[in-house]
Protein backbone atom coordinates (compact mmCIF):
# COMPACT_ATOMS: atom_id res chain seq x y z
CA MET A 1 0.00 0.00 0.00
CA VAL A 2 1.35 3.42 -1.01
CA ILE A 3 -1.56 5.59 0.16
CA VAL A 4 -1.54 5.29 3.95
CA ASN A 5 -5.17 6.40 4.48
CA ARG A 6 -6.51 4.36 1.58
CA ASP A 7 -9.27 2.55 3.51
CA GLU A 8 -10.68 5.82 4.84
CA LEU A 9 -10.65 7.36 1.36
CA ALA A 10 -12.21 4.33 -0.32
CA ALA A 11 -15.10 4.26 2.16
CA GLY A 12 -16.25 0.96 0.69
CA ASP A 13 -17.03 2.51 -2.70
CA ARG A 14 -16.01 0.44 -5.74
CA PHE A 15 -15.20 3.40 -7.99
CA ARG A 16 -13.16 5.14 -5.32
CA GLU A 17 -11.28 1.85 -4.96
CA ASP A 18 -10.63 1.84 -8.70
CA ALA A 19 -9.30 5.40 -8.66
CA LEU A 20 -6.99 4.57 -5.76
CA ASP A 21 -5.79 1.37 -7.49
CA ILE A 22 -4.94 3.37 -10.62
CA VAL A 23 -3.08 6.10 -8.72
CA GLU A 24 -1.15 3.55 -6.66
CA ALA A 25 -0.12 1.69 -9.82
CA GLY A 26 1.38 4.92 -11.13
CA LEU A 27 3.17 5.66 -7.86
CA LYS A 28 4.64 2.16 -7.61
CA ALA A 29 5.96 2.28 -11.19
CA CYS A 30 8.01 5.38 -10.49
CA LYS A 31 9.62 4.03 -7.32
CA VAL A 32 13.35 4.59 -7.50
CA GLU A 33 14.31 0.93 -7.09
CA ASN A 34 12.38 0.07 -10.24
CA ILE A 35 13.81 2.94 -12.28
CA MET A 36 17.43 2.52 -11.16
CA GLY A 37 17.23 -1.26 -11.47
CA SER A 38 16.49 -0.87 -15.17
CA VAL A 39 19.85 0.81 -15.93
CA VAL A 40 22.38 -0.05 -13.19
CA GLU A 41 24.12 -3.44 -13.16
CA GLU A 42 26.81 -4.86 -10.86
CA ASP A 43 29.72 -3.31 -12.73
CA ARG A 44 28.23 -0.93 -15.27
CA ILE A 45 25.50 1.46 -16.30
CA CYS A 46 23.59 0.49 -19.43
CA VAL A 47 21.30 3.26 -20.64
CA GLU A 48 19.95 4.37 -24.01
CA GLY A 49 22.25 1.92 -25.81
CA VAL A 50 25.41 3.19 -24.09
CA GLU A 51 27.59 1.31 -21.58
CA TYR A 52 29.72 2.88 -18.85
CA ARG A 53 31.95 0.24 -17.20
CA VAL A 54 33.43 0.82 -13.76
CA GLN A 55 36.70 -0.88 -14.77
CA ASP A 56 37.36 1.82 -17.38
CA TYR A 57 37.93 4.49 -14.70
CA GLU A 58 40.42 4.94 -11.87
CA ARG A 59 37.90 5.99 -9.24
CA VAL A 60 34.14 6.48 -9.06
CA HIS A 61 32.60 9.48 -7.28
CA VAL A 62 28.86 9.84 -6.73
CA VAL A 63 27.10 13.18 -6.35
CA GLY A 64 23.45 14.12 -6.55
CA PHE A 65 20.64 16.39 -5.48
CA GLY A 66 16.86 16.38 -5.39
CA LYS A 67 14.04 14.59 -3.64
CA ALA A 68 14.82 11.21 -5.21
CA SER A 69 18.62 11.41 -5.19
CA GLY A 70 19.01 9.83 -1.74
CA SER A 71 17.05 6.77 -2.82
CA MET A 72 18.92 6.73 -6.14
CA ALA A 73 22.24 6.79 -4.28
CA CYS A 74 21.25 3.84 -2.10
CA GLU A 75 20.22 1.81 -5.13
CA LEU A 76 23.53 2.57 -6.83
CA GLU A 77 25.51 1.81 -3.69
CA SER A 78 23.76 -1.53 -3.21
CA ARG A 79 25.24 -2.63 -6.56
CA TRP A 80 28.57 -0.74 -6.51
CA ARG A 81 29.39 -0.59 -2.78
CA ASP A 82 33.08 -1.58 -3.07
CA ARG A 83 33.66 0.46 -6.20
CA ILE A 84 32.67 3.93 -4.91
CA ALA A 85 35.54 6.13 -3.70
CA ASP A 86 33.32 8.78 -2.12
CA GLY A 87 30.05 10.58 -2.61
CA VAL A 88 27.68 13.30 -1.43
CA VAL A 89 24.03 13.71 -2.32
CA ILE A 90 21.66 16.40 -1.07
CA SER A 91 18.21 14.98 -0.47
CA TYR A 92 15.79 13.82 2.18
CA PRO A 93 17.44 11.67 4.90
CA ASN A 94 18.07 8.06 3.85
CA PRO A 95 19.65 5.71 6.40
CA GLY A 96 20.35 3.02 3.78
CA CYS A 97 23.55 4.60 2.41
CA ARG A 98 27.02 3.99 3.84
CA ALA A 99 29.72 4.88 1.30
CA ILE A 100 27.71 7.84 -0.01
CA ARG A 101 26.84 10.58 2.46
CA VAL A 102 23.26 11.79 2.26
CA LEU A 103 23.07 15.39 3.48
CA GLU A 104 19.60 16.61 4.34
CA GLY A 105 18.32 19.35 2.06
CA THR A 106 15.37 21.70 2.37
CA HIS A 107 12.67 22.23 -0.24
CA PRO A 108 11.12 24.28 -1.80
CA MET A 109 13.25 27.05 -0.28
CA GLN A 110 17.03 27.30 -0.19
CA SER A 111 18.82 27.33 3.17
CA GLU A 112 22.24 27.74 4.75
CA GLY A 113 22.33 23.96 5.11
CA ASN A 114 21.75 23.54 1.39
CA ILE A 115 24.60 25.93 0.59
CA ARG A 116 27.00 24.11 2.93
CA ALA A 117 26.03 20.75 1.47
CA SER A 118 26.50 22.12 -2.05
CA GLU A 119 30.00 23.28 -1.17
CA GLU A 120 30.85 19.78 0.09
CA LEU A 121 29.54 18.32 -3.15
CA LEU A 122 31.64 20.76 -5.19
CA ASP A 123 34.73 19.75 -3.19
CA ILE A 124 34.25 16.16 -4.38
CA VAL A 125 34.00 17.05 -8.05
CA SER A 126 36.88 19.53 -7.93
CA ASN A 127 39.18 16.85 -6.45
CA ALA A 128 38.29 14.19 -9.00
CA GLY A 129 41.10 13.14 -11.34
CA GLU A 130 40.97 13.29 -15.12
CA ARG A 131 40.63 9.48 -15.36
CA ASP A 132 37.84 9.28 -12.78
CA LEU A 133 34.09 8.91 -13.29
CA ILE A 134 31.49 11.12 -11.65
CA VAL A 135 27.99 9.66 -11.51
CA CYS A 136 25.54 12.51 -10.96
CA LEU A 137 22.07 11.61 -9.68
CA ILE A 138 19.53 14.33 -10.45
CA SER A 139 15.85 14.64 -9.66
CA GLY A 140 13.15 17.20 -9.05
CA GLY A 141 13.78 19.46 -6.07
CA GLY A 142 17.41 19.85 -7.06
CA SER A 143 17.00 23.54 -7.82
CA ALA A 144 16.46 24.33 -4.15
CA MET A 145 18.74 21.68 -2.66
CA PHE A 146 21.82 22.29 -4.84
CA THR A 147 22.51 25.98 -4.65
CA LYS A 148 25.28 28.56 -4.42
CA PRO A 149 24.28 32.20 -4.85
CA VAL A 150 26.35 34.24 -7.29
CA ALA A 151 28.44 37.28 -6.33
CA ASP A 152 27.15 39.14 -3.29
CA ILE A 153 23.52 38.01 -3.47
CA ALA A 154 22.51 37.05 0.05
CA LEU A 155 20.63 33.87 0.92
CA GLU A 156 17.59 35.82 2.08
CA ASP A 157 17.48 37.59 -1.30
CA LEU A 158 17.66 34.25 -3.09
CA VAL A 159 14.85 32.83 -0.94
CA ARG A 160 12.62 35.89 -1.41
CA THR A 161 13.10 35.81 -5.17
CA ASN A 162 12.31 32.08 -5.28
CA ARG A 163 9.15 32.51 -3.22
CA LEU A 164 7.92 35.37 -5.41
CA LEU A 165 8.51 33.26 -8.51
CA LEU A 166 6.72 30.21 -7.08
CA ASP A 167 3.69 32.29 -6.10
CA SER A 168 3.56 34.24 -9.37
CA GLY A 169 1.82 31.62 -11.50
CA GLY A 170 4.85 31.33 -13.78
CA ASP A 171 5.71 27.93 -15.21
CA ILE A 172 8.88 26.03 -14.33
CA ASN A 173 10.69 27.16 -17.50
CA GLU A 174 10.14 30.81 -16.56
CA ILE A 175 11.04 30.27 -12.91
CA ASN A 176 14.27 28.50 -13.82
CA ALA A 177 15.23 31.19 -16.35
CA VAL A 178 15.63 33.51 -13.35
CA ARG A 179 17.08 30.93 -10.97
CA LYS A 180 19.88 30.02 -13.37
CA ARG A 181 21.06 33.62 -13.60
CA ILE A 182 21.50 34.17 -9.87
CA ASP A 183 22.99 30.80 -8.86
CA TYR A 184 26.54 29.62 -9.61
CA VAL A 185 25.80 25.88 -9.98
CA LYS A 186 22.76 26.11 -12.24
CA GLY A 187 22.74 26.34 -16.03
CA GLY A 188 25.79 24.12 -16.50
CA GLY A 189 27.66 25.31 -13.41
CA LEU A 190 28.35 21.81 -12.10
CA ALA A 191 29.60 20.59 -15.47
CA ARG A 192 32.08 23.48 -15.63
CA ALA A 193 33.47 22.46 -12.24
CA CYS A 194 34.29 18.92 -13.45
CA ASN A 195 37.39 17.89 -15.40
CA CYS A 196 36.56 14.21 -15.89
CA LYS A 197 33.79 12.06 -17.36
CA VAL A 198 30.34 12.85 -15.92
CA VAL A 199 27.36 10.53 -16.38
CA SER A 200 24.09 12.04 -15.17
CA LEU A 201 21.15 9.76 -14.40
CA ILE A 202 18.04 11.91 -14.25
CA ILE A 203 14.52 11.33 -12.97
CA SER A 204 12.52 14.08 -14.61
CA ASP A 205 9.87 16.21 -12.96
CA VAL A 206 9.32 18.67 -15.81
CA VAL A 207 7.03 18.66 -18.82
CA GLY A 208 8.85 17.39 -21.90
CA ASP A 209 11.86 16.17 -19.85
CA ARG A 210 13.92 19.23 -20.82
CA LEU A 211 17.46 18.69 -19.57
CA ASP A 212 18.12 22.42 -19.17
CA VAL A 213 15.09 22.77 -16.91
CA ILE A 214 15.30 19.71 -14.62
CA ALA A 215 16.92 20.96 -11.38
CA SER A 216 17.80 24.10 -13.39
CA GLY A 217 20.18 22.17 -15.67
CA PRO A 218 23.44 21.99 -13.65
CA THR A 219 25.07 19.65 -16.18
CA VAL A 220 23.62 21.25 -19.32
CA ARG A 221 24.64 24.29 -21.34
CA ASP A 222 22.33 27.20 -20.48
CA SER A 223 20.22 28.46 -23.36
CA THR A 224 18.54 31.29 -21.43
CA THR A 225 19.77 34.87 -21.11
CA PHE A 226 19.81 37.66 -18.54
CA GLU A 227 17.38 39.53 -20.75
CA GLU A 228 14.92 36.60 -20.63
CA ALA A 229 15.19 36.52 -16.84
CA ILE A 230 14.29 40.21 -16.61
CA GLY A 231 11.43 39.57 -19.03
CA VAL A 232 9.99 36.98 -16.62
CA LEU A 233 10.09 39.48 -13.74
CA GLU A 234 8.37 42.10 -15.90
CA LYS A 235 5.71 39.66 -17.11
CA TYR A 236 4.61 38.87 -13.57
CA GLY A 237 5.09 42.34 -12.12
CA LEU A 238 8.02 41.33 -9.93
CA GLU A 239 10.72 43.76 -11.02
CA ASP A 240 9.77 46.14 -8.16
CA ARG A 241 9.28 43.32 -5.65
CA VAL A 242 12.45 41.25 -5.94
CA PRO A 243 15.41 42.34 -3.78
CA ARG A 244 17.29 45.29 -5.27
CA ARG A 245 20.61 43.43 -5.56
CA VAL A 246 18.96 40.64 -7.61
CA LEU A 247 17.56 43.13 -10.11
CA GLU A 248 20.89 44.98 -10.26
CA TRP A 249 22.75 41.73 -10.95
CA LEU A 250 20.39 40.79 -13.78
CA ARG A 251 20.66 44.24 -15.38
CA GLU A 252 24.47 44.15 -15.12
CA GLY A 253 24.35 40.74 -16.77
CA VAL A 254 22.42 42.09 -19.77
CA GLU A 255 25.21 44.61 -20.37
CA SER A 256 28.05 42.08 -20.22
CA GLU A 257 26.38 38.88 -21.46
CA ARG A 258 28.29 36.69 -23.87
CA GLU A 259 27.56 33.27 -25.35
CA ASP A 260 28.62 30.27 -23.28
CA GLY A 261 31.39 28.82 -25.42
CA GLU A 262 32.67 26.18 -23.00
CA GLY A 263 32.46 22.57 -24.12
CA PHE A 264 30.29 19.98 -22.42
CA GLU A 265 31.69 16.97 -24.31
CA HIS A 266 32.74 15.27 -21.05
CA VAL A 267 29.11 15.12 -19.85
CA SER A 268 26.49 12.52 -20.82
CA ASN A 269 22.94 13.18 -19.59
CA HIS A 270 20.31 10.41 -19.52
CA VAL A 271 16.67 10.69 -18.45
CA ILE A 272 15.86 7.30 -16.91
CA GLY A 273 12.34 8.00 -15.61
CA GLY A 274 9.63 10.61 -15.76
CA ASN A 275 5.94 11.35 -15.78
CA GLY A 276 5.33 8.97 -18.67
CA THR A 277 6.51 6.12 -16.43
CA ALA A 278 3.71 6.79 -13.93
CA ARG A 279 1.05 7.50 -16.56
CA LYS A 280 1.72 4.30 -18.50
CA ALA A 281 1.36 2.16 -15.38
CA ALA A 282 -1.84 4.01 -14.40
CA ALA A 283 -3.27 3.58 -17.90
CA ASP A 284 -2.47 -0.14 -17.92
CA CYS A 285 -4.17 -0.57 -14.54
CA ALA A 286 -7.28 1.33 -15.69
CA ALA A 287 -7.52 -0.78 -18.84
CA GLU A 288 -7.34 -3.97 -16.76
CA LEU A 289 -10.21 -2.63 -14.64
CA GLY A 290 -12.29 -2.17 -17.80
CA TYR A 291 -12.02 1.59 -18.35
CA ASP A 292 -11.60 3.37 -21.66
CA VAL A 293 -8.49 5.47 -21.13
CA ILE A 294 -8.03 9.00 -22.45
CA ASP A 295 -4.47 10.11 -21.73
CA ARG A 296 -4.21 13.90 -21.93
CA GLY A 297 -0.44 13.72 -21.51
CA GLU A 298 1.51 16.28 -19.52
CA SER A 299 -0.70 19.28 -18.88
CA GLU A 300 0.27 22.77 -17.79
CA GLY A 301 -1.68 25.92 -16.88
CA GLU A 302 -3.57 27.12 -13.82
CA ALA A 303 -4.48 24.09 -11.68
CA ARG A 304 -8.08 25.03 -10.89
CA GLU A 305 -8.82 25.96 -14.49
CA LEU A 306 -7.46 22.64 -15.72
CA GLY A 307 -9.61 20.87 -13.14
CA GLY A 308 -12.71 22.64 -14.40
CA GLU A 309 -11.79 21.88 -18.00
CA HIS A 310 -11.36 18.19 -17.24
CA ALA A 311 -14.69 18.07 -15.39
CA ARG A 312 -16.47 19.47 -18.43
CA ARG A 313 -14.60 17.13 -20.77
CA LEU A 314 -15.49 14.07 -18.68
CA GLU A 315 -19.19 14.94 -18.88
CA GLY A 316 -19.09 14.33 -22.63
CA CYS A 317 -17.48 10.92 -22.26
CA GLY A 318 -19.21 7.56 -22.05
CA LYS A 319 -19.52 5.53 -18.88
CA ARG A 320 -16.43 3.72 -17.56
CA THR A 321 -14.07 6.32 -18.98
CA MET A 322 -10.87 7.36 -17.24
CA LEU A 323 -9.33 10.74 -18.01
CA LEU A 324 -5.61 10.66 -17.23
CA SER A 325 -3.07 13.48 -17.09
CA GLY A 326 0.26 14.40 -15.57
CA GLY A 327 2.77 17.23 -15.70
CA GLU A 328 2.96 20.33 -13.54
CA THR A 329 0.30 23.00 -13.22
CA THR A 330 0.64 26.37 -11.53
CA VAL A 331 -1.22 28.18 -8.77
CA THR A 332 -1.43 31.96 -8.64
CA VAL A 333 -1.56 32.79 -4.93
CA THR A 334 -3.85 35.69 -4.04
CA GLY A 335 -5.42 34.41 -0.80
CA THR A 336 -4.12 33.41 2.60
CA GLY A 337 -5.18 29.77 2.65
CA LYS A 338 -3.26 26.52 2.49
CA GLY A 339 -2.91 23.98 -0.28
CA GLY A 340 -1.05 22.71 -3.31
CA ARG A 341 -1.63 22.47 -7.02
CA ASN A 342 -3.16 18.98 -6.90
CA GLN A 343 -5.63 19.96 -4.20
CA ASP A 344 -6.40 23.08 -6.24
CA TYR A 345 -7.00 20.92 -9.34
CA VAL A 346 -9.43 18.61 -7.52
CA LEU A 347 -11.29 21.56 -5.99
CA GLY A 348 -11.54 23.23 -9.41
CA PHE A 349 -12.89 19.97 -10.83
CA LEU A 350 -15.41 19.71 -7.99
CA ALA A 351 -16.63 23.26 -8.61
CA GLN A 352 -17.52 22.47 -12.24
CA ALA A 353 -18.60 18.81 -12.23
CA LYS A 354 -22.27 17.96 -12.74
CA THR A 355 -22.38 14.20 -13.35
CA PRO A 356 -21.20 11.36 -11.05
CA PHE A 357 -17.41 11.11 -10.98
CA VAL A 358 -14.35 10.24 -8.91
CA VAL A 359 -11.27 12.44 -9.19
CA CYS A 360 -7.88 12.04 -7.55
CA ALA A 361 -4.70 14.07 -8.05
CA VAL A 362 -1.37 13.65 -6.27
CA ASP A 363 2.18 14.90 -6.37
CA THR A 364 4.33 11.79 -6.83
CA ASP A 365 6.83 13.00 -4.22
CA GLY A 366 4.10 12.83 -1.58
CA ILE A 367 4.19 16.55 -0.75
CA ASP A 368 1.67 18.83 -2.45
CA GLY A 369 2.59 22.49 -2.09
CA TYR A 370 3.38 23.57 1.46
CA THR A 371 1.25 20.81 3.02
CA ASP A 372 1.70 17.33 4.49
CA ALA A 373 -0.73 15.80 1.96
CA ALA A 374 0.12 14.33 -1.44
CA GLY A 375 -3.15 15.59 -2.93
CA ALA A 376 -6.87 14.94 -2.67
CA LEU A 377 -9.67 12.61 -3.76
CA ALA A 378 -13.29 13.61 -4.26
CA ASP A 379 -16.52 12.48 -5.85
CA HIS A 380 -19.97 13.95 -6.38
CA ARG A 381 -20.87 13.15 -2.76
CA THR A 382 -18.06 15.32 -1.38
CA LEU A 383 -20.30 18.36 -1.85
CA GLU A 384 -22.76 16.90 0.65
CA ASN A 385 -20.69 18.48 3.42
CA GLY A 386 -22.33 21.80 2.50
CA LEU A 387 -19.05 23.60 1.83
CA ASP A 388 -18.76 25.82 -1.24
CA PRO A 389 -15.60 24.97 -3.23
CA ARG A 390 -15.61 28.40 -4.90
CA GLU A 391 -15.19 30.17 -1.58
CA TYR A 392 -12.17 28.02 -0.72
CA LEU A 393 -10.70 28.57 -4.17
CA LYS A 394 -10.92 32.34 -3.66
CA ASP A 395 -8.73 32.07 -0.57
CA ASN A 396 -6.33 29.47 -2.03
CA ASP A 397 -7.47 27.15 0.75
CA PRO A 398 -8.19 23.69 -0.74
CA TYR A 399 -6.37 21.93 2.10
CA ASN A 400 -8.92 22.98 4.70
CA PHE A 401 -11.82 22.20 2.38
CA PHE A 402 -10.65 18.62 1.92
CA LYS A 403 -9.54 18.25 5.54
CA GLN A 404 -13.13 18.81 6.66
CA SER A 405 -14.40 16.07 4.34
CA ASN A 406 -11.55 13.62 5.10
CA SER A 407 -10.54 13.74 1.43
CA LEU A 408 -6.82 14.50 1.67
CA VAL A 409 -4.49 11.82 0.28
CA PHE A 410 -1.49 10.92 2.44
CA THR A 411 1.51 8.92 1.27
CA GLY A 412 4.38 10.47 3.20
CA LYS A 413 7.57 11.34 1.32
CA THR A 414 7.82 8.74 -1.43
CA GLY A 415 11.51 9.18 -2.24
CA THR A 416 10.78 9.88 -5.89
CA ASN A 417 9.43 12.75 -7.97
CA VAL A 418 8.05 12.60 -11.51
CA ASN A 419 5.56 15.43 -11.11
CA ASP A 420 1.82 15.08 -10.74
CA LEU A 421 -0.59 12.25 -11.53
CA ARG A 422 -4.27 13.07 -12.07
CA VAL A 423 -7.10 10.57 -12.57
CA ALA A 424 -10.78 11.33 -13.24
CA ILE A 425 -13.29 8.49 -13.58
CA LYS A 426 -16.81 8.43 -14.95
CA PRO A 427 -18.47 5.42 -13.29
CA GLY A 428 -20.69 2.98 -15.08
């Protein structure tokens, strides 16, 4: 069982059970042990038709960052324990590692601890020899956990800028366009610090699996510019709200910007898992349960609006249809409530739905927004509590709406992160 309060959520209802089965199938498929086990063997990495053999290198160093990197490190260590010289990953605590140190990182905001851990990680790569191998384990959450502010930008300025970006309604591409310009290690910064072969194994949490966006692309040449970063601030009205030194740095960068001409030939980046992994497993489970599956792919946009759109779309479908989607939506914060984008999606769906349905949306890392819930589950009977979803949407407060109807989904931290998984069922 992945969902710890499953029995309470199911409430003896067959269609709720189906929705939970489908979501759990997706969550299990993206567990790190399954993803890493598909590419790591006892003495080599075999991925995308390429082999990297341990015996071809003098020493092996392991570094990583992100919500799944601790679990990824333990899976690698279980196969390569005696072959790893040293390692540091920045992630959630994982007691299973011995040769690789797992330093606890904070998310979604940067911290002094993250900066110290990042400096320890950089010490490892800077001391690696030319004939060594660095295995870099990257996953969602790496942007916050692996961080080193540029120049004289203070940590509090970095945190304030990050929070403003996250609350602006901007998508991850826009947010990272700014992040990469005010952080030394992002936008290829880690790759520049390495003078030996680097093999990055990446679990993607971004739409389209863009290498330059996942964890802000520390091992990938940066294609964004200072001018684009300023454009993002202007688009969302943040140029007068970000700390003054951040804006000054970006403007100075526009004046002196030049193309990144450094080579990245020593780096090989491989996406080994992503949202498609979870969606395929969910779709297969739904088909086995007798549902017609409509996979909407990776969806973006405002969470509540997407929820309403999917509710209207499901109404036009036949009975025993399952509408599936993944990706990462956004939430524009204007109220003072509590929630996350998956809870917002379900509440937006609930506000528009007219026919019988079951809807469930979760963040695959187990943490939706700034809450302890992974997401929410609801059906047409959820409205029987007499609460008005529109009022809670106005205050960005889906958490307290679903808390009162015992509809929050709890998984705890899953140790992985491939973005969101959303399932809407029309019973029949």
